[in-house]
Amino acid sequence: MASIKNVSTAPLEELLRRKSVRPTRQRLAVLAELAAERDDATAQTLWERIRARDVTIGLATVYRTLALLYEHGVIDVLSHSDDERCYRLCTDGHHHHLTCERCHRVVEIGDCDLESWVAAAARRHGFVAAEHRLEISGVCSACAV
């Protein structure tokens, strides 16, 4: 496997270690590509970009890596694409997403006033809310013109 060129992987390695994920070359390649993405990307897109950098990695490895990274809270999964899930390296902390259905622009919304509503809705249905995620899909201002 070729090395990740022109990318300092130290912050990514530290992120993986903090989330209890062993930083292998394949995981770092996937995470580095995702870190370079402004918005979000599908597994297929990430795989094509990684291979274009002459890094040998299988598509199944990319999918497994993304599943592992999501399971450990390293990345978020967005479902605004009809064809496939999209992945994003987000900031730490509780947040929600605004996603453009056309260009895949993603905006993180950090301020959340939903806690009391979520707790009340859960209680009404006999649940205790543990967490919540919100993804609002629509069209960004650039695509709306």
Foldseek 3Di string as FASTA:
>chain_A
DDADPPDDLVVVCVLCVVLVHHDDRLLSLLVVLQVVDQFWAFLVVSVVVSVVVVDDDDSVSSVVSQVVCVVSPQWDWDDLAPPGIIIHGDDDDDWEWEAESPPGHIDTGHDDPCVVVVCVVQVVVVHGDDDDYYYHYHHDPVRVD
